[in-house]
Amino acid sequence: MTPRSVILGCGSYLPDRVVSNEELAQRVDTTHDWIVERTGITQRHIAEDGQYTSDLAIAAAERAVEHAGIEVDDIDLVILATTTPDQTFPSTATKVQAALGMSNGAAFDIQAVCSGFLYGISTADAFIKSGQAKTVLLIGAETFSRILDWEDRTTCVLFGDGAGAVVMQASANGAAHGANEDAEPGQAGHNQERGVLSTHLHSDGKLNDLLYVDGGPSSTQTVGHVRMVGREVFRHAVTNLAAVVDEALEANGLERDDISWVVPHQANKRILDSTARKLGLPAERVITTVDRHANTSAASVPLALDAAVKDGRIKRGDLLLLEAMGGGLTWGSALVRW
């Protein structure tokens, strides 16, 4: 029997420094009201000087491992989704591996910008289903503030720093050991068992110039800054995200009303609202953290997930639809029974 990938636990970390819209308005030509009206963002967390992506990732990982109720030695694989690695090489995931004291397994980064965590879920799920890994630590972590042009008000107001993580583990029947070991097993049937039901990934490289960084080791030998054609990104986001939600539901014979919670990439409140309207879903079923986290790229989905799990909104047995779109353009979804 092919094992199911169950999410045992989650964790997150946000830098202590909070930057309000009012503070940003002292640096660039903008106002609190302008930012809120166009994005829904009121504040963002920014890493301190000397605080790296790996630092954020390690903190989130430690909390996820604790919440999952496992030991570090149980982990076979560390996958870190990030666009802002500590170094060009080696992978930031290996730094997390070392900091956790792992003496076995493997670790690597993946890069799909804001879709990175969804690509990570799909990758972890494939490793588990193939039997190459039993327990996977998946992290989304970013210090996106390091690649922003702080004189460009169209981009610098949108992003923040943070990290989120989950522990995924193989289960033959949708019930894995760990923090939820004593819970009642799921009802019979593929769609009622805990774990990842399916993942769906897409990209379109022809749309590279809509959202990109104007630098890199091979091209400019610099880090570069984020550049974006906002109106076009918005249009593609609403269309692609609605489509990939329906793709996931159709693949599992489910309807929109079956979704307990949508856990989306936190890019812009207007995108979240427009996508919900296009799907005919009430805004109350969409987990929203963009107002206080801003866009944390690959970290945004696990940050939102952790917030909703820890405050009790997401409960055992809930059907979650995770979705994201990022530069590339890349986009994807995952249907998960919590």
C-alpha atoms as a PDB file:
ATOM      1  CA  MET A   1       0.000   0.000   0.000  1.00  0.00           C
ATOM      2  CA  THR A   2       1.296   3.447  -0.928  1.00  0.00           C
ATOM      3  CA  PRO A   3       1.776   5.466   2.266  1.00  0.00           C
ATOM      4  CA  ARG A   4      -0.066   8.712   2.919  1.00  0.00           C
ATOM      5  CA  SER A   5       1.905  11.842   3.895  1.00  0.00           C
ATOM      6  CA  VAL A   6       0.440  13.118   7.155  1.00  0.00           C
ATOM      7  CA  ILE A   7       1.310  16.522   8.630  1.00  0.00           C
ATOM      8  CA  LEU A   8       2.198  15.794  12.257  1.00  0.00           C
ATOM      9  CA  GLY A   9       2.899  19.313  13.437  1.00  0.00           C
ATOM     10  CA  CYS A  10       3.789  22.865  12.481  1.00  0.00           C
ATOM     11  CA  GLY A  11       5.741  25.833  13.772  1.00  0.00           C
ATOM     12  CA  SER A  12       6.693  29.354  12.793  1.00  0.00           C
ATOM     13  CA  TYR A  13       8.964  32.245  13.613  1.00  0.00           C
ATOM     14  CA  LEU A  14       8.799  35.985  12.959  1.00  0.00           C
ATOM     15  CA  PRO A  15      11.632  38.443  13.639  1.00  0.00           C
ATOM     16  CA  ASP A  16      11.066  40.693  16.641  1.00  0.00           C
ATOM     17  CA  ARG A  17      11.381  43.908  14.655  1.00  0.00           C
ATOM     18  CA  VAL A  18       7.996  45.159  13.434  1.00  0.00           C
ATOM     19  CA  VAL A  19       7.880  47.880  10.777  1.00  0.00           C
ATOM     20  CA  SER A  20       4.580  49.745  10.521  1.00  0.00           C
ATOM     21  CA  ASN A  21       3.200  51.523   7.479  1.00  0.00           C
ATOM     22  CA  GLU A  22       3.775  54.799   9.263  1.00  0.00           C
ATOM     23  CA  GLU A  23       7.473  54.016   9.625  1.00  0.00           C
ATOM     24  CA  LEU A  24       7.724  53.130   5.933  1.00  0.00           C
ATOM     25  CA  ALA A  25       6.010  56.394   5.049  1.00  0.00           C
ATOM     26  CA  GLN A  26       9.006  58.201   6.542  1.00  0.00           C
ATOM     27  CA  ARG A  27      11.308  56.446   4.048  1.00  0.00           C
ATOM     28  CA  VAL A  28       9.323  56.395   0.790  1.00  0.00           C
ATOM     29  CA  ASP A  29       6.534  58.408  -0.814  1.00  0.00           C
ATOM     30  CA  THR A  30       3.561  56.514   0.621  1.00  0.00           C
ATOM     31  CA  THR A  31       0.978  56.607   3.402  1.00  0.00           C
ATOM     32  CA  HIS A  32      -0.619  54.092   5.726  1.00  0.00           C
ATOM     33  CA  ASP A  33      -3.970  54.524   3.998  1.00  0.00           C
ATOM     34  CA  TRP A  34      -2.453  54.057   0.514  1.00  0.00           C
ATOM     35  CA  ILE A  35      -0.835  50.760   1.548  1.00  0.00           C
ATOM     36  CA  VAL A  36      -3.922  49.416   3.329  1.00  0.00           C
ATOM     37  CA  GLU A  37      -6.264  50.340   0.490  1.00  0.00           C
ATOM     38  CA  ARG A  38      -4.156  48.553  -2.146  1.00  0.00           C
ATOM     39  CA  THR A  39      -2.777  45.622  -0.154  1.00  0.00           C
ATOM     40  CA  GLY A  40      -4.476  45.219   3.219  1.00  0.00           C
ATOM     41  CA  ILE A  41      -1.058  45.305   4.908  1.00  0.00           C
ATOM     42  CA  THR A  42      -0.618  47.274   8.149  1.00  0.00           C
ATOM     43  CA  GLN A  43       2.802  46.007   9.255  1.00  0.00           C
ATOM     44  CA  ARG A  44       5.582  43.529   8.486  1.00  0.00           C
ATOM     45  CA  HIS A  45       8.421  41.825  10.394  1.00  0.00           C
ATOM     46  CA  ILE A  46      11.990  42.583   9.292  1.00  0.00           C
ATOM     47  CA  ALA A  47      15.071  40.580  10.213  1.00  0.00           C
ATOM     48  CA  GLU A  48      17.769  42.387  12.164  1.00  0.00           C
ATOM     49  CA  ASP A  49      21.247  42.921  10.747  1.00  0.00           C
ATOM     50  CA  GLY A  50      23.122  39.660  11.184  1.00  0.00           C
ATOM     51  CA  GLN A  51      19.914  37.623  11.377  1.00  0.00           C
ATOM     52  CA  TYR A  52      19.888  35.178   8.457  1.00  0.00           C
ATOM     53  CA  THR A  53      17.300  33.081   6.675  1.00  0.00           C
ATOM     54  CA  SER A  54      18.797  30.033   8.382  1.00  0.00           C
ATOM     55  CA  ASP A  55      18.196  31.598  11.813  1.00  0.00           C
ATOM     56  CA  LEU A  56      14.507  32.051  11.041  1.00  0.00           C
ATOM     57  CA  ALA A  57      14.275  28.572   9.538  1.00  0.00           C
ATOM     58  CA  ILE A  58      15.937  26.907  12.537  1.00  0.00           C
ATOM     59  CA  ALA A  59      13.569  28.588  15.000  1.00  0.00           C
ATOM     60  CA  ALA A  60      10.487  27.556  13.004  1.00  0.00           C
ATOM     61  CA  ALA A  61      11.847  24.035  12.541  1.00  0.00           C
ATOM     62  CA  GLU A  62      12.465  23.540  16.263  1.00  0.00           C
ATOM     63  CA  ARG A  63       8.895  24.589  17.035  1.00  0.00           C
ATOM     64  CA  ALA A  64       7.481  22.282  14.366  1.00  0.00           C
ATOM     65  CA  VAL A  65       9.487  19.317  15.665  1.00  0.00           C
ATOM     66  CA  GLU A  66       8.265  19.993  19.204  1.00  0.00           C
ATOM     67  CA  HIS A  67       4.641  20.337  18.070  1.00  0.00           C
ATOM     68  CA  ALA A  68       4.910  17.099  16.070  1.00  0.00           C
ATOM     69  CA  GLY A  69       6.143  15.216  19.116  1.00  0.00           C
ATOM     70  CA  ILE A  70       9.077  13.593  17.343  1.00  0.00           C
ATOM     71  CA  GLU A  71      12.827  13.474  17.859  1.00  0.00           C
ATOM     72  CA  VAL A  72      15.302  15.111  15.492  1.00  0.00           C
ATOM     73  CA  ASP A  73      16.803  11.684  14.832  1.00  0.00           C
ATOM     74  CA  ASP A  74      13.462  10.636  13.310  1.00  0.00           C
ATOM     75  CA  ILE A  75      13.930  13.090  10.413  1.00  0.00           C
ATOM     76  CA  ASP A  76      15.172  11.582   7.135  1.00  0.00           C
ATOM     77  CA  LEU A  77      15.037  14.689   4.964  1.00  0.00           C
ATOM     78  CA  VAL A  78      15.081  18.482   5.321  1.00  0.00           C
ATOM     79  CA  ILE A  79      13.603  20.540   2.483  1.00  0.00           C
ATOM     80  CA  LEU A  80      13.898  24.327   2.661  1.00  0.00           C
ATOM     81  CA  ALA A  81      11.930  26.515   0.265  1.00  0.00           C
ATOM     82  CA  THR A  82      13.596  29.908  -0.050  1.00  0.00           C
ATOM     83  CA  THR A  83      14.501  32.623  -2.523  1.00  0.00           C
ATOM     84  CA  THR A  84      16.859  34.311  -0.068  1.00  0.00           C
ATOM     85  CA  PRO A  85      19.456  31.700   0.950  1.00  0.00           C
ATOM     86  CA  ASP A  86      22.272  32.573   3.326  1.00  0.00           C
ATOM     87  CA  GLN A  87      24.847  31.825   0.622  1.00  0.00           C
ATOM     88  CA  THR A  88      24.901  30.983  -3.076  1.00  0.00           C
ATOM     89  CA  PHE A  89      26.066  27.585  -1.851  1.00  0.00           C
ATOM     90  CA  PRO A  90      25.893  25.378   0.114  1.00  0.00           C
ATOM     91  CA  SER A  91      22.141  25.081   0.604  1.00  0.00           C
ATOM     92  CA  THR A  92      20.643  26.790   3.629  1.00  0.00           C
ATOM     93  CA  ALA A  93      18.888  23.498   4.405  1.00  0.00           C
ATOM     94  CA  THR A  94      22.248  21.959   5.312  1.00  0.00           C
ATOM     95  CA  LYS A  95      22.809  24.732   7.857  1.00  0.00           C
ATOM     96  CA  VAL A  96      19.442  23.896   9.413  1.00  0.00           C
ATOM     97  CA  GLN A  97      20.391  20.213   9.413  1.00  0.00           C
ATOM     98  CA  ALA A  98      23.612  20.983  11.271  1.00  0.00           C
ATOM     99  CA  ALA A  99      21.946  23.302  13.779  1.00  0.00           C
ATOM    100  CA  LEU A 100      19.340  20.672  14.634  1.00  0.00           C
ATOM    101  CA  GLY A 101      22.083  18.139  15.284  1.00  0.00           C
ATOM    102  CA  MET A 102      20.967  15.731  12.580  1.00  0.00           C
ATOM    103  CA  SER A 103      23.513  13.021  11.950  1.00  0.00           C
ATOM    104  CA  ASN A 104      21.658  11.226   9.183  1.00  0.00           C
ATOM    105  CA  GLY A 105      19.503  11.876   6.137  1.00  0.00           C
ATOM    106  CA  ALA A 106      19.777  14.610   3.505  1.00  0.00           C
ATOM    107  CA  ALA A 107      18.958  18.297   3.116  1.00  0.00           C
ATOM    108  CA  PHE A 108      18.437  20.598   0.145  1.00  0.00           C
ATOM    109  CA  ASP A 109      16.826  23.884  -0.906  1.00  0.00           C
ATOM    110  CA  ILE A 110      14.139  24.369  -3.525  1.00  0.00           C
ATOM    111  CA  GLN A 111      13.352  27.614  -5.336  1.00  0.00           C
ATOM    112  CA  ALA A 112       9.913  28.506  -6.646  1.00  0.00           C
ATOM    113  CA  VAL A 113       9.634  31.916  -4.959  1.00  0.00           C
ATOM    114  CA  CYS A 114       6.184  32.373  -3.375  1.00  0.00           C
ATOM    115  CA  SER A 115       5.077  28.920  -4.555  1.00  0.00           C
ATOM    116  CA  GLY A 116       8.077  27.329  -2.879  1.00  0.00           C
ATOM    117  CA  PHE A 117       6.217  25.790   0.039  1.00  0.00           C
ATOM    118  CA  LEU A 118       3.681  24.173  -2.307  1.00  0.00           C
ATOM    119  CA  TYR A 119       6.512  22.790  -4.424  1.00  0.00           C
ATOM    120  CA  GLY A 120       8.044  21.570  -1.172  1.00  0.00           C
ATOM    121  CA  ILE A 121       4.883  19.749  -0.099  1.00  0.00           C
ATOM    122  CA  SER A 122       4.737  18.020  -3.464  1.00  0.00           C
ATOM    123  CA  THR A 123       8.430  17.060  -3.253  1.00  0.00           C
ATOM    124  CA  ALA A 124       8.143  15.781   0.328  1.00  0.00           C
ATOM    125  CA  ASP A 125       4.993  13.848  -0.576  1.00  0.00           C
ATOM    126  CA  ALA A 126       6.795  12.199  -3.503  1.00  0.00           C
ATOM    127  CA  PHE A 127       9.735  11.169  -1.297  1.00  0.00           C
ATOM    128  CA  ILE A 128       7.353   9.674   1.257  1.00  0.00           C
ATOM    129  CA  LYS A 129       5.183   7.871  -1.285  1.00  0.00           C
ATOM    130  CA  SER A 130       8.229   6.407  -3.014  1.00  0.00           C
ATOM    131  CA  GLY A 131       9.589   5.117   0.275  1.00  0.00           C
ATOM    132  CA  GLN A 132      12.763   7.217   0.073  1.00  0.00           C
ATOM    133  CA  ALA A 133      11.867   9.064   3.278  1.00  0.00           C
ATOM    134  CA  LYS A 134       9.589   8.386   6.217  1.00  0.00           C
ATOM    135  CA  THR A 135       9.746  11.704   8.064  1.00  0.00           C
ATOM    136  CA  VAL A 136      10.367  15.028   6.303  1.00  0.00           C
ATOM    137  CA  LEU A 137      10.945  18.455   7.799  1.00  0.00           C
ATOM    138  CA  LEU A 138       9.647  21.025   5.308  1.00  0.00           C
ATOM    139  CA  ILE A 139      10.406  24.710   5.859  1.00  0.00           C
ATOM    140  CA  GLY A 140       9.556  27.927   4.056  1.00  0.00           C
ATOM    141  CA  ALA A 141      11.869  30.752   5.155  1.00  0.00           C
ATOM    142  CA  GLU A 142      12.724  34.178   3.752  1.00  0.00           C
ATOM    143  CA  THR A 143      14.602  37.368   4.516  1.00  0.00           C
ATOM    144  CA  PHE A 144      12.955  39.068   1.566  1.00  0.00           C
ATOM    145  CA  SER A 145      13.865  42.483   2.945  1.00  0.00           C
ATOM    146  CA  ARG A 146      17.423  41.832   1.688  1.00  0.00           C
ATOM    147  CA  ILE A 147      16.362  41.939  -1.983  1.00  0.00           C
ATOM    148  CA  LEU A 148      14.001  44.924  -1.848  1.00  0.00           C
ATOM    149  CA  ASP A 149      14.593  48.317  -3.404  1.00  0.00           C
ATOM    150  CA  TRP A 150      13.631  50.506  -0.462  1.00  0.00           C
ATOM    151  CA  GLU A 151      13.087  53.456  -2.778  1.00  0.00           C
ATOM    152  CA  ASP A 152      10.446  51.629  -4.845  1.00  0.00           C
ATOM    153  CA  ARG A 153       7.147  52.062  -3.041  1.00  0.00           C
ATOM    154  CA  THR A 154       5.369  49.628  -5.391  1.00  0.00           C
ATOM    155  CA  THR A 155       7.382  46.698  -4.032  1.00  0.00           C
ATOM    156  CA  CYS A 156       9.035  47.558  -0.714  1.00  0.00           C
ATOM    157  CA  VAL A 157       5.703  47.970   1.095  1.00  0.00           C
ATOM    158  CA  LEU A 158       4.555  44.479   0.121  1.00  0.00           C
ATOM    159  CA  PHE A 159       7.083  42.147   1.700  1.00  0.00           C
ATOM    160  CA  GLY A 160       8.312  40.948   5.070  1.00  0.00           C
ATOM    161  CA  ASP A 161      10.525  38.284   6.645  1.00  0.00           C
ATOM    162  CA  GLY A 162       9.574  35.079   8.425  1.00  0.00           C
ATOM    163  CA  ALA A 163       9.611  31.291   8.482  1.00  0.00           C
ATOM    164  CA  GLY A 164       7.148  28.441   8.842  1.00  0.00           C
ATOM    165  CA  ALA A 165       7.662  24.690   9.004  1.00  0.00           C
ATOM    166  CA  VAL A 166       5.793  21.393   9.051  1.00  0.00           C
ATOM    167  CA  VAL A 167       6.758  17.807   9.841  1.00  0.00           C
ATOM    168  CA  MET A 168       5.383  15.275   7.345  1.00  0.00           C
ATOM    169  CA  GLN A 169       5.434  11.544   8.001  1.00  0.00           C
ATOM    170  CA  ALA A 170       4.463   8.352   6.197  1.00  0.00           C
ATOM    171  CA  SER A 171       1.279   6.653   7.349  1.00  0.00           C
ATOM    172  CA  ALA A 172      -0.373   3.527   5.977  1.00  0.00           C
ATOM    173  CA  ASN A 173      -3.863   4.547   7.108  1.00  0.00           C
ATOM    174  CA  GLY A 174      -3.833   8.300   7.678  1.00  0.00           C
ATOM    175  CA  ALA A 175      -2.798   8.047  11.338  1.00  0.00           C
ATOM    176  CA  ALA A 176       0.885   8.685  12.114  1.00  0.00           C
ATOM    177  CA  HIS A 177       2.705   8.560  15.432  1.00  0.00           C
ATOM    178  CA  GLY A 178       3.591  11.791  17.210  1.00  0.00           C
ATOM    179  CA  ALA A 179       1.597  14.633  18.704  1.00  0.00           C
ATOM    180  CA  ASN A 180      -1.751  13.342  17.443  1.00  0.00           C
ATOM    181  CA  GLU A 181      -1.097   9.685  18.199  1.00  0.00           C
ATOM    182  CA  ASP A 182      -4.033   9.368  20.562  1.00  0.00           C
ATOM    183  CA  ALA A 183      -6.617  10.954  18.260  1.00  0.00           C
ATOM    184  CA  GLU A 184      -9.409   8.950  16.671  1.00  0.00           C
ATOM    185  CA  PRO A 185      -8.493   7.493  13.260  1.00  0.00           C
ATOM    186  CA  GLY A 186     -10.069   9.018  10.178  1.00  0.00           C
ATOM    187  CA  GLN A 187     -13.226   7.609   8.660  1.00  0.00           C
ATOM    188  CA  ALA A 188     -12.976   5.024   5.903  1.00  0.00           C
ATOM    189  CA  GLY A 189     -12.307   6.301   2.397  1.00  0.00           C
ATOM    190  CA  HIS A 190      -9.450   8.005   0.603  1.00  0.00           C
ATOM    191  CA  ASN A 191     -10.787  11.542   1.104  1.00  0.00           C
ATOM    192  CA  GLN A 192     -11.503  11.115   4.814  1.00  0.00           C
ATOM    193  CA  GLU A 193      -8.062   9.882   5.829  1.00  0.00           C
ATOM    194  CA  ARG A 194      -5.574  12.377   7.220  1.00  0.00           C
ATOM    195  CA  GLY A 195      -2.756  13.645   5.044  1.00  0.00           C
ATOM    196  CA  VAL A 196      -1.961  15.009   1.612  1.00  0.00           C
ATOM    197  CA  LEU A 197      -4.684  13.992  -0.856  1.00  0.00           C
ATOM    198  CA  SER A 198      -2.980  15.492  -3.913  1.00  0.00           C
ATOM    199  CA  THR A 199      -0.690  18.287  -5.110  1.00  0.00           C
ATOM    200  CA  HIS A 200      -0.825  20.239  -8.369  1.00  0.00           C
ATOM    201  CA  LEU A 201       2.088  22.319  -9.700  1.00  0.00           C
ATOM    202  CA  HIS A 202       2.381  24.654 -12.686  1.00  0.00           C
ATOM    203  CA  SER A 203       4.767  27.193 -14.195  1.00  0.00           C
ATOM    204  CA  ASP A 204       4.972  29.421 -17.253  1.00  0.00           C
ATOM    205  CA  GLY A 205       8.483  30.707 -17.942  1.00  0.00           C
ATOM    206  CA  LYS A 206       7.234  33.071 -20.659  1.00  0.00           C
ATOM    207  CA  LEU A 207       5.922  35.293 -17.855  1.00  0.00           C
ATOM    208  CA  ASN A 208       9.340  35.736 -16.227  1.00  0.00           C
ATOM    209  CA  ASP A 209       9.382  39.508 -16.659  1.00  0.00           C
ATOM    210  CA  LEU A 210       6.202  40.069 -14.651  1.00  0.00           C
ATOM    211  CA  LEU A 211       7.908  39.295 -11.335  1.00  0.00           C
ATOM    212  CA  TYR A 212      11.651  38.817 -11.002  1.00  0.00           C
ATOM    213  CA  VAL A 213      14.900  39.952  -9.402  1.00  0.00           C
ATOM    214  CA  ASP A 214      17.217  41.999 -11.642  1.00  0.00           C
ATOM    215  CA  GLY A 215      20.407  40.266 -10.521  1.00  0.00           C
ATOM    216  CA  GLY A 216      22.105  36.940  -9.945  1.00  0.00           C
ATOM    217  CA  PRO A 217      25.493  35.183  -9.788  1.00  0.00           C
ATOM    218  CA  SER A 218      25.578  34.277 -13.484  1.00  0.00           C
ATOM    219  CA  SER A 219      24.071  37.449 -14.948  1.00  0.00           C
ATOM    220  CA  THR A 220      25.192  40.451 -12.873  1.00  0.00           C
ATOM    221  CA  GLN A 221      27.253  38.927 -10.039  1.00  0.00           C
ATOM    222  CA  THR A 222      24.977  40.858  -7.654  1.00  0.00           C
ATOM    223  CA  VAL A 223      21.926  39.960  -5.593  1.00  0.00           C
ATOM    224  CA  GLY A 224      19.621  42.418  -7.388  1.00  0.00           C
ATOM    225  CA  HIS A 225      16.223  43.794  -6.395  1.00  0.00           C
ATOM    226  CA  VAL A 226      12.625  42.674  -6.815  1.00  0.00           C
ATOM    227  CA  ARG A 227      10.825  44.075  -9.878  1.00  0.00           C
ATOM    228  CA  MET A 228       7.150  43.547 -10.573  1.00  0.00           C
ATOM    229  CA  VAL A 229       4.400  44.459 -13.032  1.00  0.00           C
ATOM    230  CA  GLY A 230       1.728  44.580 -10.359  1.00  0.00           C
ATOM    231  CA  ARG A 231      -1.419  44.790 -12.464  1.00  0.00           C
ATOM    232  CA  GLU A 232      -0.479  41.777 -14.587  1.00  0.00           C
ATOM    233  CA  VAL A 233       0.608  39.715 -11.577  1.00  0.00           C
ATOM    234  CA  PHE A 234      -2.741  40.429  -9.934  1.00  0.00           C
ATOM    235  CA  ARG A 235      -4.666  39.313 -13.037  1.00  0.00           C
ATOM    236  CA  HIS A 236      -2.745  36.075 -13.406  1.00  0.00           C
ATOM    237  CA  ALA A 237      -2.947  35.359  -9.675  1.00  0.00           C
ATOM    238  CA  VAL A 238      -6.741  35.479  -9.475  1.00  0.00           C
ATOM    239  CA  THR A 239      -7.186  33.383 -12.625  1.00  0.00           C
ATOM    240  CA  ASN A 240      -4.491  30.791 -11.910  1.00  0.00           C
ATOM    241  CA  LEU A 241      -5.265  30.329  -8.237  1.00  0.00           C
ATOM    242  CA  ALA A 242      -8.973  29.775  -8.823  1.00  0.00           C
ATOM    243  CA  ALA A 243      -8.155  27.260 -11.558  1.00  0.00           C
ATOM    244  CA  VAL A 244      -5.672  25.293  -9.455  1.00  0.00           C
ATOM    245  CA  VAL A 245      -8.163  25.096  -6.575  1.00  0.00           C
ATOM    246  CA  ASP A 246     -10.760  23.535  -8.860  1.00  0.00           C
ATOM    247  CA  GLU A 247      -8.090  21.225 -10.301  1.00  0.00           C
ATOM    248  CA  ALA A 248      -7.369  19.850  -6.831  1.00  0.00           C
ATOM    249  CA  LEU A 249     -11.039  19.371  -6.015  1.00  0.00           C
ATOM    250  CA  GLU A 250     -11.795  17.658  -9.318  1.00  0.00           C
ATOM    251  CA  ALA A 251      -8.866  15.275  -8.858  1.00  0.00           C
ATOM    252  CA  ASN A 252     -10.387  14.102  -5.570  1.00  0.00           C
ATOM    253  CA  GLY A 253     -14.076  14.137  -6.472  1.00  0.00           C
ATOM    254  CA  LEU A 254     -14.801  16.967  -4.040  1.00  0.00           C
ATOM    255  CA  GLU A 255     -16.777  20.204  -4.217  1.00  0.00           C
ATOM    256  CA  ARG A 256     -15.922  23.726  -3.144  1.00  0.00           C
ATOM    257  CA  ASP A 257     -18.305  23.419  -0.185  1.00  0.00           C
ATOM    258  CA  ASP A 258     -16.204  20.513   1.117  1.00  0.00           C
ATOM    259  CA  ILE A 259     -13.298  22.884   1.844  1.00  0.00           C
ATOM    260  CA  SER A 260     -13.045  23.746   5.532  1.00  0.00           C
ATOM    261  CA  TRP A 261     -10.308  26.354   5.100  1.00  0.00           C
ATOM    262  CA  VAL A 262      -8.346  27.909   2.261  1.00  0.00           C
ATOM    263  CA  VAL A 263      -4.768  28.570   3.403  1.00  0.00           C
ATOM    264  CA  PRO A 264      -3.405  30.824   0.646  1.00  0.00           C
ATOM    265  CA  HIS A 265      -0.180  32.575  -0.133  1.00  0.00           C
ATOM    266  CA  GLN A 266      -0.432  35.959   1.566  1.00  0.00           C
ATOM    267  CA  ALA A 267       0.441  38.308  -1.281  1.00  0.00           C
ATOM    268  CA  ASN A 268      -2.275  40.909  -1.171  1.00  0.00           C
ATOM    269  CA  LYS A 269      -5.669  41.114   0.559  1.00  0.00           C
ATOM    270  CA  ARG A 270      -7.306  42.103  -2.721  1.00  0.00           C
ATOM    271  CA  ILE A 271      -6.001  38.933  -4.381  1.00  0.00           C
ATOM    272  CA  LEU A 272      -7.322  36.820  -1.496  1.00  0.00           C
ATOM    273  CA  ASP A 273     -10.746  38.476  -1.660  1.00  0.00           C
ATOM    274  CA  SER A 274     -10.965  38.296  -5.456  1.00  0.00           C
ATOM    275  CA  THR A 275      -9.984  34.623  -5.514  1.00  0.00           C
ATOM    276  CA  ALA A 276     -12.561  33.799  -2.831  1.00  0.00           C
ATOM    277  CA  ARG A 277     -15.278  35.596  -4.809  1.00  0.00           C
ATOM    278  CA  LYS A 278     -14.284  33.794  -8.014  1.00  0.00           C
ATOM    279  CA  LEU A 279     -14.605  30.474  -6.181  1.00  0.00           C
ATOM    280  CA  GLY A 280     -17.818  31.449  -4.450  1.00  0.00           C
ATOM    281  CA  LEU A 281     -16.263  30.912  -1.020  1.00  0.00           C
ATOM    282  CA  PRO A 282     -16.989  33.160   1.982  1.00  0.00           C
ATOM    283  CA  ALA A 283     -14.062  35.280   3.121  1.00  0.00           C
ATOM    284  CA  GLU A 284     -14.490  33.795   6.599  1.00  0.00           C
ATOM    285  CA  ARG A 285     -13.095  30.465   5.321  1.00  0.00           C
ATOM    286  CA  VAL A 286      -9.888  32.036   4.014  1.00  0.00           C
ATOM    287  CA  ILE A 287      -7.013  32.203   6.510  1.00  0.00           C
ATOM    288  CA  THR A 288      -5.608  35.726   6.294  1.00  0.00           C
ATOM    289  CA  THR A 289      -2.387  36.959   7.890  1.00  0.00           C
ATOM    290  CA  VAL A 290      -1.185  39.375   5.198  1.00  0.00           C
ATOM    291  CA  ASP A 291      -2.356  42.348   7.265  1.00  0.00           C
ATOM    292  CA  ARG A 292       0.283  41.711   9.942  1.00  0.00           C
ATOM    293  CA  HIS A 293       2.877  39.544   8.126  1.00  0.00           C
ATOM    294  CA  ALA A 294       2.853  41.131   4.630  1.00  0.00           C
ATOM    295  CA  ASN A 295       4.117  38.892   1.814  1.00  0.00           C
ATOM    296  CA  THR A 296       6.763  36.532   3.194  1.00  0.00           C
ATOM    297  CA  SER A 297       7.106  34.575  -0.068  1.00  0.00           C
ATOM    298  CA  ALA A 298       7.743  30.857   0.579  1.00  0.00           C
ATOM    299  CA  ALA A 299       7.091  31.367   4.302  1.00  0.00           C
ATOM    300  CA  SER A 300       3.596  32.798   3.953  1.00  0.00           C
ATOM    301  CA  VAL A 301       1.564  29.582   3.618  1.00  0.00           C
ATOM    302  CA  PRO A 302       3.175  27.765   6.583  1.00  0.00           C
ATOM    303  CA  LEU A 303       2.999  30.958   8.676  1.00  0.00           C
ATOM    304  CA  ALA A 304      -0.733  31.224   7.980  1.00  0.00           C
ATOM    305  CA  LEU A 305      -1.204  27.502   8.604  1.00  0.00           C
ATOM    306  CA  ASP A 306       0.573  27.643  11.951  1.00  0.00           C
ATOM    307  CA  ALA A 307      -1.397  30.705  13.050  1.00  0.00           C
ATOM    308  CA  ALA A 308      -4.730  28.999  12.325  1.00  0.00           C
ATOM    309  CA  VAL A 309      -3.718  25.697  13.911  1.00  0.00           C
ATOM    310  CA  LYS A 310      -2.421  27.348  17.080  1.00  0.00           C
ATOM    311  CA  ASP A 311      -5.480  29.603  17.537  1.00  0.00           C
ATOM    312  CA  GLY A 312      -7.815  26.635  17.128  1.00  0.00           C
ATOM    313  CA  ARG A 313      -9.517  27.478  13.854  1.00  0.00           C
ATOM    314  CA  ILE A 314      -8.050  24.468  12.050  1.00  0.00           C
ATOM    315  CA  LYS A 315      -9.138  21.241  13.742  1.00  0.00           C
ATOM    316  CA  ARG A 316      -8.498  17.535  13.247  1.00  0.00           C
ATOM    317  CA  GLY A 317     -10.360  16.289  10.162  1.00  0.00           C
ATOM    318  CA  ASP A 318     -10.648  19.692   8.461  1.00  0.00           C
ATOM    319  CA  LEU A 319     -10.074  19.752   4.709  1.00  0.00           C
ATOM    320  CA  LEU A 320      -7.457  22.374   3.827  1.00  0.00           C
ATOM    321  CA  LEU A 321      -6.785  23.838   0.409  1.00  0.00           C
ATOM    322  CA  LEU A 322      -3.287  25.348   0.271  1.00  0.00           C
ATOM    323  CA  GLU A 323      -2.455  27.492  -2.773  1.00  0.00           C
ATOM    324  CA  ALA A 324       0.167  29.965  -3.958  1.00  0.00           C
ATOM    325  CA  MET A 325       1.540  31.810  -6.962  1.00  0.00           C
ATOM    326  CA  GLY A 326       4.979  33.345  -7.381  1.00  0.00           C
ATOM    327  CA  GLY A 327       7.624  34.539  -9.787  1.00  0.00           C
ATOM    328  CA  GLY A 328       8.369  32.326 -12.733  1.00  0.00           C
ATOM    329  CA  LEU A 329       5.426  32.449 -12.941  1.00  0.00           C
ATOM    330  CA  THR A 330       4.853  29.418 -10.732  1.00  0.00           C
ATOM    331  CA  TRP A 331       1.666  28.332  -9.017  1.00  0.00           C
ATOM    332  CA  GLY A 332       0.244  25.320  -7.285  1.00  0.00           C
ATOM    333  CA  SER A 333      -2.144  23.817  -4.753  1.00  0.00           C
ATOM    334  CA  ALA A 334      -2.301  21.009  -2.223  1.00  0.00           C
ATOM    335  CA  LEU A 335      -5.374  19.382  -0.736  1.00  0.00           C
ATOM    336  CA  VAL A 336      -4.704  18.220   2.827  1.00  0.00           C
ATOM    337  CA  ARG A 337      -6.902  16.518   5.407  1.00  0.00           C
ATOM    338  CA  TRP A 338      -5.710  17.847   8.754  1.00  0.00           C
END
